[in-house]
């Protein structure tokens, strides 16, 4: 997160003529802090054929990472957190985890900043 300040010049306007006074005074107004996350840079998109879309991106752009989500109480909580963090569109019903599942595969798609297609 980072602090935000609105800086502006306040000028008088003559109500009878609508003329703006050339002189003014600088002022500032402190705004609430802004927090950006990955989801702020992603637009959800629906893809008709996830496998084809995934393959079309190409191996040179593939990144494989493993995460330990030990703070999550359930697999469904972990899936929900990932979807929220990435801000991507779930494919089909892959956002739902079977209650007895020990592992799960969630498919996500989106457009990253610059209209770059992303499939997870």
PDB file of N, CA and C in Angstrom:
ATOM      1  N   UNK A   1       0.839  -1.173   0.000  1.00  0.00           N
ATOM      2  CA  UNK A   1       0.000   0.000   0.000  1.00  0.00           C
ATOM      3  C   UNK A   1       0.889   1.242   0.000  1.00  0.00           C
ATOM      4  N   UNK A   2       0.323   2.325  -0.445  1.00  0.00           N
ATOM      5  CA  UNK A   2       1.067   3.572  -0.435  1.00  0.00           C
ATOM      6  C   UNK A   2       0.117   4.737  -0.171  1.00  0.00           C
ATOM      7  N   UNK A   3       0.694   5.796   0.370  1.00  0.00           N
ATOM      8  CA  UNK A   3      -0.091   6.978   0.726  1.00  0.00           C
ATOM      9  C   UNK A   3      -0.436   7.769  -0.529  1.00  0.00           C
ATOM     10  N   UNK A   4      -1.571   8.438  -0.488  1.00  0.00           N
ATOM     11  CA  UNK A   4      -2.023   9.261  -1.612  1.00  0.00           C
ATOM     12  C   UNK A   4      -2.398  10.643  -1.110  1.00  0.00           C
ATOM     13  N   UNK A   5      -1.995  11.628  -1.874  1.00  0.00           N
ATOM     14  CA  UNK A   5      -2.338  13.005  -1.564  1.00  0.00           C
ATOM     15  C   UNK A   5      -2.877  13.658  -2.817  1.00  0.00           C
ATOM     16  N   UNK A   6      -4.005  14.318  -2.696  1.00  0.00           N
ATOM     17  CA  UNK A   6      -4.578  15.081  -3.795  1.00  0.00           C
ATOM     18  C   UNK A   6      -4.057  16.502  -3.672  1.00  0.00           C
ATOM     19  N   UNK A   7      -3.264  16.949  -4.653  1.00  0.00           N
ATOM     20  CA  UNK A   7      -2.731  18.312  -4.657  1.00  0.00           C
ATOM     21  C   UNK A   7      -3.477  19.092  -5.733  1.00  0.00           C
ATOM     22  N   UNK A   8      -3.916  20.300  -5.388  1.00  0.00           N
ATOM     23  CA  UNK A   8      -4.695  21.088  -6.334  1.00  0.00           C
ATOM     24  C   UNK A   8      -4.507  22.573  -6.075  1.00  0.00           C
ATOM     25  N   UNK A   9      -4.936  23.386  -7.034  1.00  0.00           N
ATOM     26  CA  UNK A   9      -4.924  24.838  -6.900  1.00  0.00           C
ATOM     27  C   UNK A   9      -6.377  25.292  -6.846  1.00  0.00           C
ATOM     28  N   UNK A  10      -6.722  26.001  -5.793  1.00  0.00           N
ATOM     29  CA  UNK A  10      -8.077  26.501  -5.615  1.00  0.00           C
ATOM     30  C   UNK A  10      -8.125  27.939  -6.129  1.00  0.00           C
ATOM     31  N   UNK A  11      -9.105  28.241  -6.980  1.00  0.00           N
ATOM     32  CA  UNK A  11      -9.233  29.582  -7.554  1.00  0.00           C
ATOM     33  C   UNK A  11     -10.645  30.104  -7.337  1.00  0.00           C
ATOM     34  N   UNK A  12     -10.747  31.408  -7.175  1.00  0.00           N
ATOM     35  CA  UNK A  12     -12.026  32.079  -7.001  1.00  0.00           C
ATOM     36  C   UNK A  12     -12.689  32.276  -8.365  1.00  0.00           C
ATOM     37  N   UNK A  13     -14.021  32.159  -8.409  1.00  0.00           N
ATOM     38  CA  UNK A  13     -14.790  32.419  -9.619  1.00  0.00           C
ATOM     39  C   UNK A  13     -15.814  33.506  -9.292  1.00  0.00           C
ATOM     40  N   UNK A  14     -15.834  34.555 -10.130  1.00  0.00           N
ATOM     41  CA  UNK A  14     -16.811  35.641  -9.947  1.00  0.00           C
ATOM     42  C   UNK A  14     -18.183  35.096 -10.332  1.00  0.00           C
ATOM     43  N   UNK A  15     -19.135  35.029  -9.380  1.00  0.00           N
ATOM     44  CA  UNK A  15     -20.438  34.414  -9.680  1.00  0.00           C
ATOM     45  C   UNK A  15     -21.263  35.195 -10.707  1.00  0.00           C
ATOM     46  N   UNK A  16     -21.025  36.466 -10.830  1.00  0.00           N
ATOM     47  CA  UNK A  16     -21.831  37.250 -11.779  1.00  0.00           C
ATOM     48  C   UNK A  16     -21.300  37.154 -13.205  1.00  0.00           C
ATOM     49  N   UNK A  17     -19.983  37.017 -13.359  1.00  0.00           N
ATOM     50  CA  UNK A  17     -19.410  36.967 -14.712  1.00  0.00           C
ATOM     51  C   UNK A  17     -18.912  35.573 -15.089  1.00  0.00           C
ATOM     52  N   UNK A  18     -18.675  34.752 -14.103  1.00  0.00           N
ATOM     53  CA  UNK A  18     -18.118  33.423 -14.366  1.00  0.00           C
ATOM     54  C   UNK A  18     -16.628  33.462 -14.644  1.00  0.00           C
ATOM     55  N   UNK A  19     -16.022  34.628 -14.468  1.00  0.00           N
ATOM     56  CA  UNK A  19     -14.593  34.794 -14.733  1.00  0.00           C
ATOM     57  C   UNK A  19     -13.774  34.181 -13.598  1.00  0.00           C
ATOM     58  N   UNK A  20     -12.734  33.439 -13.983  1.00  0.00           N
ATOM     59  CA  UNK A  20     -11.872  32.768 -13.007  1.00  0.00           C
ATOM     60  C   UNK A  20     -10.713  33.685 -12.662  1.00  0.00           C
ATOM     61  N   UNK A  21     -10.502  33.868 -11.375  1.00  0.00           N
ATOM     62  CA  UNK A  21      -9.373  34.662 -10.899  1.00  0.00           C
ATOM     63  C   UNK A  21      -8.078  33.940 -11.255  1.00  0.00           C
ATOM     64  N   UNK A  22      -7.126  34.670 -11.820  1.00  0.00           N
ATOM     65  CA  UNK A  22      -5.847  34.064 -12.222  1.00  0.00           C
ATOM     66  C   UNK A  22      -5.048  33.562 -11.023  1.00  0.00           C
ATOM     67  N   UNK A  23      -5.144  34.275  -9.935  1.00  0.00           N
ATOM     68  CA  UNK A  23      -4.429  33.872  -8.726  1.00  0.00           C
ATOM     69  C   UNK A  23      -5.199  32.751  -8.033  1.00  0.00           C
ATOM     70  N   UNK A  24      -4.497  31.933  -7.362  1.00  0.00           N
ATOM     71  CA  UNK A  24      -5.115  30.873  -6.586  1.00  0.00           C
ATOM     72  C   UNK A  24      -4.174  30.449  -5.483  1.00  0.00           C
ATOM     73  N   UNK A  25      -4.568  29.497  -4.724  1.00  0.00           N
ATOM     74  CA  UNK A  25      -3.670  28.996  -3.687  1.00  0.00           C
ATOM     75  C   UNK A  25      -3.622  27.473  -3.759  1.00  0.00           C
ATOM     76  N   UNK A  26      -2.416  26.972  -3.531  1.00  0.00           N
ATOM     77  CA  UNK A  26      -2.214  25.525  -3.554  1.00  0.00           C
ATOM     78  C   UNK A  26      -2.748  24.933  -2.262  1.00  0.00           C
ATOM     79  N   UNK A  27      -3.316  23.750  -2.398  1.00  0.00           N
ATOM     80  CA  UNK A  27      -3.847  23.064  -1.231  1.00  0.00           C
ATOM     81  C   UNK A  27      -3.641  21.568  -1.424  1.00  0.00           C
ATOM     82  N   UNK A  28      -3.731  20.829  -0.350  1.00  0.00           N
ATOM     83  CA  UNK A  28      -3.577  19.373  -0.387  1.00  0.00           C
ATOM     84  C   UNK A  28      -4.664  18.737   0.454  1.00  0.00           C
ATOM     85  N   UNK A  29      -5.048  17.541   0.054  1.00  0.00           N
ATOM     86  CA  UNK A  29      -6.021  16.768   0.808  1.00  0.00           C
ATOM     87  C   UNK A  29      -5.503  15.345   0.893  1.00  0.00           C
ATOM     88  N   UNK A  30      -5.327  14.865   2.112  1.00  0.00           N
ATOM     89  CA  UNK A  30      -4.821  13.511   2.320  1.00  0.00           C
ATOM     90  C   UNK A  30      -5.920  12.494   2.031  1.00  0.00           C
ATOM     91  N   UNK A  31      -5.653  11.537   1.148  1.00  0.00           N
ATOM     92  CA  UNK A  31      -6.606  10.488   0.802  1.00  0.00           C
ATOM     93  C   UNK A  31      -6.264   9.214   1.561  1.00  0.00           C
ATOM     94  N   UNK A  32      -7.156   8.255   1.504  1.00  0.00           N
ATOM     95  CA  UNK A  32      -6.878   6.959   2.125  1.00  0.00           C
ATOM     96  C   UNK A  32      -5.749   6.263   1.373  1.00  0.00           C
ATOM     97  N   UNK A  33      -5.030   5.407   2.059  1.00  0.00           N
ATOM     98  CA  UNK A  33      -3.966   4.641   1.423  1.00  0.00           C
ATOM     99  C   UNK A  33      -4.553   3.748   0.345  1.00  0.00           C
ATOM    100  N   UNK A  34      -3.779   3.525  -0.691  1.00  0.00           N
ATOM    101  CA  UNK A  34      -4.195   2.670  -1.798  1.00  0.00           C
ATOM    102  C   UNK A  34      -3.386   1.384  -1.731  1.00  0.00           C
ATOM    103  N   UNK A  35      -4.077   0.278  -1.876  1.00  0.00           N
ATOM    104  CA  UNK A  35      -3.409  -1.018  -1.878  1.00  0.00           C
ATOM    105  C   UNK A  35      -3.699  -1.699  -3.207  1.00  0.00           C
ATOM    106  N   UNK A  36      -2.648  -2.088  -3.907  1.00  0.00           N
ATOM    107  CA  UNK A  36      -2.793  -2.782  -5.181  1.00  0.00           C
ATOM    108  C   UNK A  36      -2.365  -4.224  -5.022  1.00  0.00           C
ATOM    109  N   UNK A  37      -3.057  -5.103  -5.728  1.00  0.00           N
ATOM    110  CA  UNK A  37      -2.690  -6.518  -5.712  1.00  0.00           C
ATOM    111  C   UNK A  37      -2.663  -7.021  -7.146  1.00  0.00           C
ATOM    112  N   UNK A  38      -2.282  -8.239  -7.328  1.00  0.00           N
ATOM    113  CA  UNK A  38      -2.246  -8.844  -8.652  1.00  0.00           C
ATOM    114  C   UNK A  38      -3.600  -8.726  -9.343  1.00  0.00           C
ATOM    115  N   UNK A  39      -4.670  -8.929  -8.609  1.00  0.00           N
ATOM    116  CA  UNK A  39      -6.017  -8.894  -9.185  1.00  0.00           C
ATOM    117  C   UNK A  39      -6.359  -7.542  -9.807  1.00  0.00           C
ATOM    118  N   UNK A  40      -5.701  -6.479  -9.355  1.00  0.00           N
ATOM    119  CA  UNK A  40      -5.969  -5.150  -9.916  1.00  0.00           C
ATOM    120  C   UNK A  40      -5.431  -5.001 -11.337  1.00  0.00           C
ATOM    121  N   UNK A  41      -4.591  -5.915 -11.767  1.00  0.00           N
ATOM    122  CA  UNK A  41      -3.997  -5.854 -13.099  1.00  0.00           C
ATOM    123  C   UNK A  41      -4.555  -6.913 -14.040  1.00  0.00           C
ATOM    124  N   UNK A  42      -5.587  -7.626 -13.595  1.00  0.00           N
ATOM    125  CA  UNK A  42      -6.132  -8.737 -14.372  1.00  0.00           C
ATOM    126  C   UNK A  42      -7.610  -8.492 -14.664  1.00  0.00           C
ATOM    127  N   UNK A  43      -7.986  -8.760 -15.912  1.00  0.00           N
ATOM    128  CA  UNK A  43      -9.396  -8.724 -16.302  1.00  0.00           C
ATOM    129  C   UNK A  43      -9.845 -10.159 -16.520  1.00  0.00           C
ATOM    130  N   UNK A  44     -10.952 -10.533 -15.908  1.00  0.00           N
ATOM    131  CA  UNK A  44     -11.482 -11.883 -16.074  1.00  0.00           C
ATOM    132  C   UNK A  44     -11.974 -12.064 -17.501  1.00  0.00           C
ATOM    133  N   UNK A  45     -11.639 -13.205 -18.099  1.00  0.00           N
ATOM    134  CA  UNK A  45     -12.191 -13.554 -19.416  1.00  0.00           C
ATOM    135  C   UNK A  45     -12.599 -15.018 -19.409  1.00  0.00           C
ATOM    136  N   UNK A  46     -13.629 -15.312 -20.167  1.00  0.00           N
ATOM    137  CA  UNK A  46     -14.081 -16.691 -20.337  1.00  0.00           C
ATOM    138  C   UNK A  46     -13.459 -17.217 -21.621  1.00  0.00           C
ATOM    139  N   UNK A  47     -12.863 -18.384 -21.546  1.00  0.00           N
ATOM    140  CA  UNK A  47     -12.330 -19.023 -22.749  1.00  0.00           C
ATOM    141  C   UNK A  47     -13.155 -20.274 -23.032  1.00  0.00           C
ATOM    142  N   UNK A  48     -13.486 -20.476 -24.306  1.00  0.00           N
ATOM    143  CA  UNK A  48     -14.323 -21.614 -24.684  1.00  0.00           C
ATOM    144  C   UNK A  48     -13.561 -22.930 -24.574  1.00  0.00           C
ATOM    145  N   UNK A  49     -12.285 -22.912 -24.932  1.00  0.00           N
ATOM    146  CA  UNK A  49     -11.467 -24.128 -24.908  1.00  0.00           C
ATOM    147  C   UNK A  49     -10.197 -23.831 -24.120  1.00  0.00           C
ATOM    148  N   UNK A  50     -10.229 -24.142 -22.814  1.00  0.00           N
ATOM    149  CA  UNK A  50      -9.106 -23.816 -21.943  1.00  0.00           C
ATOM    150  C   UNK A  50      -7.820 -24.485 -22.417  1.00  0.00           C
ATOM    151  N   UNK A  51      -7.873 -25.771 -22.742  1.00  0.00           N
ATOM    152  CA  UNK A  51      -6.657 -26.488 -23.139  1.00  0.00           C
ATOM    153  C   UNK A  51      -6.007 -25.837 -24.358  1.00  0.00           C
ATOM    154  N   UNK A  52      -6.804 -25.463 -25.332  1.00  0.00           N
ATOM    155  CA  UNK A  52      -6.262 -24.811 -26.539  1.00  0.00           C
ATOM    156  C   UNK A  52      -5.650 -23.450 -26.174  1.00  0.00           C
ATOM    157  N   UNK A  53      -6.331 -22.697 -25.339  1.00  0.00           N
ATOM    158  CA  UNK A  53      -5.810 -21.399 -24.916  1.00  0.00           C
ATOM    159  C   UNK A  53      -4.505 -21.555 -24.147  1.00  0.00           C
ATOM    160  N   UNK A  54      -4.468 -22.537 -23.255  1.00  0.00           N
ATOM    161  CA  UNK A  54      -3.269 -22.794 -22.460  1.00  0.00           C
ATOM    162  C   UNK A  54      -2.100 -23.143 -23.374  1.00  0.00           C
ATOM    163  N   UNK A  55      -2.327 -24.027 -24.323  1.00  0.00           N
ATOM    164  CA  UNK A  55      -1.258 -24.455 -25.243  1.00  0.00           C
ATOM    165  C   UNK A  55      -0.810 -23.322 -26.162  1.00  0.00           C
ATOM    166  N   UNK A  56      -1.737 -22.436 -26.554  1.00  0.00           N
ATOM    167  CA  UNK A  56      -1.394 -21.362 -27.484  1.00  0.00           C
ATOM    168  C   UNK A  56      -0.459 -20.323 -26.862  1.00  0.00           C
ATOM    169  N   UNK A  57      -0.432 -20.252 -25.554  1.00  0.00           N
ATOM    170  CA  UNK A  57       0.450 -19.294 -24.886  1.00  0.00           C
ATOM    171  C   UNK A  57       1.906 -19.684 -25.087  1.00  0.00           C
ATOM    172  N   UNK A  58       2.186 -20.956 -25.118  1.00  0.00           N
ATOM    173  CA  UNK A  58       3.540 -21.418 -25.400  1.00  0.00           C
ATOM    174  C   UNK A  58       4.359 -21.722 -24.163  1.00  0.00           C
ATOM    175  N   UNK A  59       5.277 -22.691 -24.313  1.00  0.00           N
ATOM    176  CA  UNK A  59       6.108 -23.141 -23.199  1.00  0.00           C
ATOM    177  C   UNK A  59       7.067 -22.064 -22.702  1.00  0.00           C
ATOM    178  N   UNK A  60       7.507 -21.157 -23.588  1.00  0.00           N
ATOM    179  CA  UNK A  60       8.483 -20.151 -23.155  1.00  0.00           C
ATOM    180  C   UNK A  60       7.900 -19.198 -22.116  1.00  0.00           C
ATOM    181  N   UNK A  61       6.569 -19.141 -22.007  1.00  0.00           N
ATOM    182  CA  UNK A  61       5.934 -18.269 -21.020  1.00  0.00           C
ATOM    183  C   UNK A  61       5.406 -19.042 -19.819  1.00  0.00           C
ATOM    184  N   UNK A  62       5.675 -20.340 -19.778  1.00  0.00           N
ATOM    185  CA  UNK A  62       5.176 -21.164 -18.682  1.00  0.00           C
ATOM    186  C   UNK A  62       6.048 -21.003 -17.449  1.00  0.00           C
ATOM    187  N   UNK A  63       5.405 -20.847 -16.316  1.00  0.00           N
ATOM    188  CA  UNK A  63       6.092 -20.759 -15.028  1.00  0.00           C
ATOM    189  C   UNK A  63       5.446 -21.783 -14.106  1.00  0.00           C
ATOM    190  N   UNK A  64       6.257 -22.598 -13.473  1.00  0.00           N
ATOM    191  CA  UNK A  64       5.755 -23.593 -12.538  1.00  0.00           C
ATOM    192  C   UNK A  64       6.272 -23.224 -11.156  1.00  0.00           C
ATOM    193  N   UNK A  65       5.351 -23.080 -10.223  1.00  0.00           N
ATOM    194  CA  UNK A  65       5.712 -22.766  -8.848  1.00  0.00           C
ATOM    195  C   UNK A  65       4.860 -23.596  -7.909  1.00  0.00           C
ATOM    196  N   UNK A  66       5.403 -23.882  -6.743  1.00  0.00           N
ATOM    197  CA  UNK A  66       4.667 -24.629  -5.725  1.00  0.00           C
ATOM    198  C   UNK A  66       4.522 -23.747  -4.496  1.00  0.00           C
ATOM    199  N   UNK A  67       3.370 -23.820  -3.865  1.00  0.00           N
ATOM    200  CA  UNK A  67       3.098 -23.015  -2.690  1.00  0.00           C
ATOM    201  C   UNK A  67       2.602 -23.907  -1.564  1.00  0.00           C
ATOM    202  N   UNK A  68       2.904 -23.507  -0.376  1.00  0.00           N
ATOM    203  CA  UNK A  68       2.393 -24.187   0.805  1.00  0.00           C
ATOM    204  C   UNK A  68       1.337 -23.282   1.424  1.00  0.00           C
ATOM    205  N   UNK A  69       0.119 -23.745   1.410  1.00  0.00           N
ATOM    206  CA  UNK A  69      -0.997 -22.946   1.931  1.00  0.00           C
ATOM    207  C   UNK A  69      -1.424 -23.482   3.293  1.00  0.00           C
ATOM    208  N   UNK A  70      -0.480 -23.562   4.190  1.00  0.00           N
ATOM    209  CA  UNK A  70      -0.728 -24.182   5.496  1.00  0.00           C
ATOM    210  C   UNK A  70      -1.661 -23.363   6.376  1.00  0.00           C
ATOM    211  N   UNK A  71      -1.820 -22.075   6.085  1.00  0.00           N
ATOM    212  CA  UNK A  71      -2.691 -21.257   6.916  1.00  0.00           C
ATOM    213  C   UNK A  71      -4.175 -21.453   6.578  1.00  0.00           C
ATOM    214  N   UNK A  72      -4.446 -22.164   5.495  1.00  0.00           N
ATOM    215  CA  UNK A  72      -5.832 -22.402   5.089  1.00  0.00           C
ATOM    216  C   UNK A  72      -6.369 -23.627   5.813  1.00  0.00           C
ATOM    217  N   UNK A  73      -7.597 -23.526   6.285  1.00  0.00           N
ATOM    218  CA  UNK A  73      -8.200 -24.632   7.031  1.00  0.00           C
ATOM    219  C   UNK A  73      -8.677 -25.755   6.111  1.00  0.00           C
ATOM    220  N   UNK A  74      -9.140 -25.377   4.918  1.00  0.00           N
ATOM    221  CA  UNK A  74      -9.631 -26.391   3.983  1.00  0.00           C
ATOM    222  C   UNK A  74      -9.065 -26.129   2.591  1.00  0.00           C
ATOM    223  N   UNK A  75      -9.160 -27.132   1.760  1.00  0.00           N
ATOM    224  CA  UNK A  75      -8.742 -26.999   0.372  1.00  0.00           C
ATOM    225  C   UNK A  75      -9.615 -25.964  -0.337  1.00  0.00           C
ATOM    226  N   UNK A  76     -10.895 -25.924  -0.019  1.00  0.00           N
ATOM    227  CA  UNK A  76     -11.797 -24.936  -0.610  1.00  0.00           C
ATOM    228  C   UNK A  76     -11.373 -23.518  -0.226  1.00  0.00           C
ATOM    229  N   UNK A  77     -10.950 -23.310   1.018  1.00  0.00           N
ATOM    230  CA  UNK A  77     -10.455 -21.991   1.444  1.00  0.00           C
ATOM    231  C   UNK A  77      -9.234 -21.582   0.631  1.00  0.00           C
ATOM    232  N   UNK A  78      -8.349 -22.544   0.366  1.00  0.00           N
ATOM    233  CA  UNK A  78      -7.145 -22.261  -0.423  1.00  0.00           C
ATOM    234  C   UNK A  78      -7.508 -21.883  -1.854  1.00  0.00           C
ATOM    235  N   UNK A  79      -8.427 -22.615  -2.451  1.00  0.00           N
ATOM    236  CA  UNK A  79      -8.868 -22.312  -3.817  1.00  0.00           C
ATOM    237  C   UNK A  79      -9.498 -20.926  -3.871  1.00  0.00           C
ATOM    238  N   UNK A  80     -10.353 -20.611  -2.924  1.00  0.00           N
ATOM    239  CA  UNK A  80     -10.992 -19.291  -2.873  1.00  0.00           C
ATOM    240  C   UNK A  80      -9.961 -18.178  -2.749  1.00  0.00           C
ATOM    241  N   UNK A  81      -8.951 -18.382  -1.917  1.00  0.00           N
ATOM    242  CA  UNK A  81      -7.915 -17.373  -1.711  1.00  0.00           C
ATOM    243  C   UNK A  81      -7.103 -17.149  -2.981  1.00  0.00           C
ATOM    244  N   UNK A  82      -6.792 -18.217  -3.688  1.00  0.00           N
ATOM    245  CA  UNK A  82      -6.024 -18.100  -4.935  1.00  0.00           C
ATOM    246  C   UNK A  82      -6.835 -17.364  -5.989  1.00  0.00           C
ATOM    247  N   UNK A  83      -8.101 -17.709  -6.123  1.00  0.00           N
ATOM    248  CA  UNK A  83      -8.969 -17.044  -7.103  1.00  0.00           C
ATOM    249  C   UNK A  83      -9.063 -15.549  -6.788  1.00  0.00           C
ATOM    250  N   UNK A  84      -9.232 -15.213  -5.530  1.00  0.00           N
ATOM    251  CA  UNK A  84      -9.339 -13.804  -5.139  1.00  0.00           C
ATOM    252  C   UNK A  84      -8.022 -13.070  -5.371  1.00  0.00           C
ATOM    253  N   UNK A  85      -6.912 -13.694  -5.017  1.00  0.00           N
ATOM    254  CA  UNK A  85      -5.600 -13.062  -5.176  1.00  0.00           C
ATOM    255  C   UNK A  85      -5.279 -12.789  -6.639  1.00  0.00           C
ATOM    256  N   UNK A  86      -5.553 -13.773  -7.504  1.00  0.00           N
ATOM    257  CA  UNK A  86      -5.227 -13.619  -8.924  1.00  0.00           C
ATOM    258  C   UNK A  86      -6.275 -12.818  -9.688  1.00  0.00           C
ATOM    259  N   UNK A  87      -7.511 -12.795  -9.198  1.00  0.00           N
ATOM    260  CA  UNK A  87      -8.557 -12.030  -9.861  1.00  0.00           C
ATOM    261  C   UNK A  87      -8.923 -12.556 -11.231  1.00  0.00           C
ATOM    262  N   UNK A  88      -8.840 -13.863 -11.402  1.00  0.00           N
ATOM    263  CA  UNK A  88      -9.084 -14.467 -12.705  1.00  0.00           C
ATOM    264  C   UNK A  88     -10.427 -15.183 -12.742  1.00  0.00           C
ATOM    265  N   UNK A  89     -10.884 -15.488 -13.961  1.00  0.00           N
ATOM    266  CA  UNK A  89     -12.144 -16.177 -14.193  1.00  0.00           C
ATOM    267  C   UNK A  89     -11.961 -17.675 -14.013  1.00  0.00           C
ATOM    268  N   UNK A  90     -12.823 -18.298 -13.215  1.00  0.00           N
ATOM    269  CA  UNK A  90     -12.756 -19.758 -13.097  1.00  0.00           C
ATOM    270  C   UNK A  90     -13.406 -20.381 -14.326  1.00  0.00           C
ATOM    271  N   UNK A  91     -12.885 -21.508 -14.724  1.00  0.00           N
ATOM    272  CA  UNK A  91     -13.394 -22.241 -15.881  1.00  0.00           C
ATOM    273  C   UNK A  91     -14.297 -23.355 -15.371  1.00  0.00           C
ATOM    274  N   UNK A  92     -15.516 -23.366 -15.892  1.00  0.00           N
ATOM    275  CA  UNK A  92     -16.475 -24.394 -15.470  1.00  0.00           C
ATOM    276  C   UNK A  92     -16.722 -24.331 -13.975  1.00  0.00           C
ATOM    277  N   UNK A  93     -16.775 -25.486 -13.365  1.00  0.00           N
ATOM    278  CA  UNK A  93     -17.017 -25.554 -11.916  1.00  0.00           C
ATOM    279  C   UNK A  93     -15.736 -25.877 -11.157  1.00  0.00           C
ATOM    280  N   UNK A  94     -14.583 -25.533 -11.744  1.00  0.00           N
ATOM    281  CA  UNK A  94     -13.315 -25.879 -11.099  1.00  0.00           C
ATOM    282  C   UNK A  94     -13.053 -25.061  -9.832  1.00  0.00           C
ATOM    283  N   UNK A  95     -13.944 -24.126  -9.515  1.00  0.00           N
ATOM    284  CA  UNK A  95     -13.814 -23.378  -8.263  1.00  0.00           C
ATOM    285  C   UNK A  95     -14.367 -24.177  -7.083  1.00  0.00           C
ATOM    286  N   UNK A  96     -15.111 -25.231  -7.353  1.00  0.00           N
ATOM    287  CA  UNK A  96     -15.711 -26.050  -6.294  1.00  0.00           C
ATOM    288  C   UNK A  96     -14.850 -27.269  -6.006  1.00  0.00           C
ATOM    289  N   UNK A  97     -14.573 -27.480  -4.750  1.00  0.00           N
ATOM    290  CA  UNK A  97     -13.757 -28.611  -4.303  1.00  0.00           C
ATOM    291  C   UNK A  97     -14.665 -29.630  -3.625  1.00  0.00           C
ATOM    292  N   UNK A  98     -14.505 -30.884  -3.998  1.00  0.00           N
ATOM    293  CA  UNK A  98     -15.270 -31.950  -3.334  1.00  0.00           C
ATOM    294  C   UNK A  98     -14.865 -31.997  -1.860  1.00  0.00           C
ATOM    295  N   UNK A  99     -15.833 -32.185  -0.955  1.00  0.00           N
ATOM    296  CA  UNK A  99     -15.532 -32.152   0.488  1.00  0.00           C
ATOM    297  C   UNK A  99     -14.445 -33.135   0.924  1.00  0.00           C
ATOM    298  N   UNK A 100     -14.341 -34.285   0.285  1.00  0.00           N
ATOM    299  CA  UNK A 100     -13.349 -35.282   0.704  1.00  0.00           C
ATOM    300  C   UNK A 100     -12.052 -35.212  -0.100  1.00  0.00           C
ATOM    301  N   UNK A 101     -11.896 -34.210  -0.957  1.00  0.00           N
ATOM    302  CA  UNK A 101     -10.723 -34.119  -1.840  1.00  0.00           C
ATOM    303  C   UNK A 101      -9.442 -33.864  -1.060  1.00  0.00           C
ATOM    304  N   UNK A 102      -8.358 -34.505  -1.507  1.00  0.00           N
ATOM    305  CA  UNK A 102      -7.023 -34.302  -0.936  1.00  0.00           C
ATOM    306  C   UNK A 102      -6.188 -33.394  -1.845  1.00  0.00           C
ATOM    307  N   UNK A 103      -6.597 -33.272  -3.105  1.00  0.00           N
ATOM    308  CA  UNK A 103      -5.951 -32.364  -4.053  1.00  0.00           C
ATOM    309  C   UNK A 103      -7.035 -31.845  -4.994  1.00  0.00           C
ATOM    310  N   UNK A 104      -6.707 -30.793  -5.712  1.00  0.00           N
ATOM    311  CA  UNK A 104      -7.703 -30.196  -6.593  1.00  0.00           C
ATOM    312  C   UNK A 104      -7.015 -29.412  -7.697  1.00  0.00           C
ATOM    313  N   UNK A 105      -7.635 -29.367  -8.859  1.00  0.00           N
ATOM    314  CA  UNK A 105      -7.120 -28.589  -9.998  1.00  0.00           C
ATOM    315  C   UNK A 105      -8.166 -27.532 -10.353  1.00  0.00           C
ATOM    316  N   UNK A 106      -7.783 -26.267 -10.197  1.00  0.00           N
ATOM    317  CA  UNK A 106      -8.643 -25.144 -10.556  1.00  0.00           C
ATOM    318  C   UNK A 106      -8.095 -24.506 -11.819  1.00  0.00           C
ATOM    319  N   UNK A 107      -8.952 -24.261 -12.790  1.00  0.00           N
ATOM    320  CA  UNK A 107      -8.543 -23.630 -14.042  1.00  0.00           C
ATOM    321  C   UNK A 107      -9.013 -22.184 -14.034  1.00  0.00           C
ATOM    322  N   UNK A 108      -8.099 -21.278 -14.366  1.00  0.00           N
ATOM    323  CA  UNK A 108      -8.390 -19.850 -14.348  1.00  0.00           C
ATOM    324  C   UNK A 108      -7.898 -19.198 -15.633  1.00  0.00           C
ATOM    325  N   UNK A 109      -8.584 -18.144 -16.056  1.00  0.00           N
ATOM    326  CA  UNK A 109      -8.140 -17.401 -17.239  1.00  0.00           C
ATOM    327  C   UNK A 109      -8.349 -15.913 -17.014  1.00  0.00           C
ATOM    328  N   UNK A 110      -7.536 -15.127 -17.716  1.00  0.00           N
ATOM    329  CA  UNK A 110      -7.655 -13.685 -17.604  1.00  0.00           C
ATOM    330  C   UNK A 110      -6.750 -12.977 -18.594  1.00  0.00           C
ATOM    331  N   UNK A 111      -6.882 -11.673 -18.642  1.00  0.00           N
ATOM    332  CA  UNK A 111      -6.000 -10.816 -19.427  1.00  0.00           C
ATOM    333  C   UNK A 111      -5.213  -9.963 -18.451  1.00  0.00           C
ATOM    334  N   UNK A 112      -3.898 -10.076 -18.526  1.00  0.00           N
ATOM    335  CA  UNK A 112      -3.030  -9.275 -17.667  1.00  0.00           C
ATOM    336  C   UNK A 112      -2.784  -7.933 -18.342  1.00  0.00           C
ATOM    337  N   UNK A 113      -2.305  -6.987 -17.579  1.00  0.00           N
ATOM    338  CA  UNK A 113      -1.992  -5.648 -18.070  1.00  0.00           C
ATOM    339  C   UNK A 113      -1.300  -5.732 -19.425  1.00  0.00           C
ATOM    340  N   UNK A 114      -1.808  -5.004 -20.416  1.00  0.00           N
ATOM    341  CA  UNK A 114      -1.252  -5.051 -21.761  1.00  0.00           C
ATOM    342  C   UNK A 114      -1.932  -6.080 -22.635  1.00  0.00           C
ATOM    343  N   UNK A 115      -3.102  -6.591 -22.208  1.00  0.00           N
ATOM    344  CA  UNK A 115      -3.860  -7.604 -22.938  1.00  0.00           C
ATOM    345  C   UNK A 115      -3.086  -8.892 -23.188  1.00  0.00           C
ATOM    346  N   UNK A 116      -2.333  -9.311 -22.202  1.00  0.00           N
ATOM    347  CA  UNK A 116      -1.589 -10.579 -22.276  1.00  0.00           C
ATOM    348  C   UNK A 116      -2.441 -11.667 -21.647  1.00  0.00           C
ATOM    349  N   UNK A 117      -2.789 -12.674 -22.462  1.00  0.00           N
ATOM    350  CA  UNK A 117      -3.628 -13.759 -21.959  1.00  0.00           C
ATOM    351  C   UNK A 117      -2.869 -14.598 -20.948  1.00  0.00           C
ATOM    352  N   UNK A 118      -3.558 -14.934 -19.855  1.00  0.00           N
ATOM    353  CA  UNK A 118      -2.996 -15.754 -18.798  1.00  0.00           C
ATOM    354  C   UNK A 118      -3.938 -16.907 -18.524  1.00  0.00           C
ATOM    355  N   UNK A 119      -3.381 -18.111 -18.455  1.00  0.00           N
ATOM    356  CA  UNK A 119      -4.145 -19.304 -18.084  1.00  0.00           C
ATOM    357  C   UNK A 119      -3.407 -19.988 -16.936  1.00  0.00           C
ATOM    358  N   UNK A 120      -4.156 -20.343 -15.902  1.00  0.00           N
ATOM    359  CA  UNK A 120      -3.578 -20.997 -14.730  1.00  0.00           C
ATOM    360  C   UNK A 120      -4.334 -22.293 -14.507  1.00  0.00           C
TER     361      UNK A 120
END
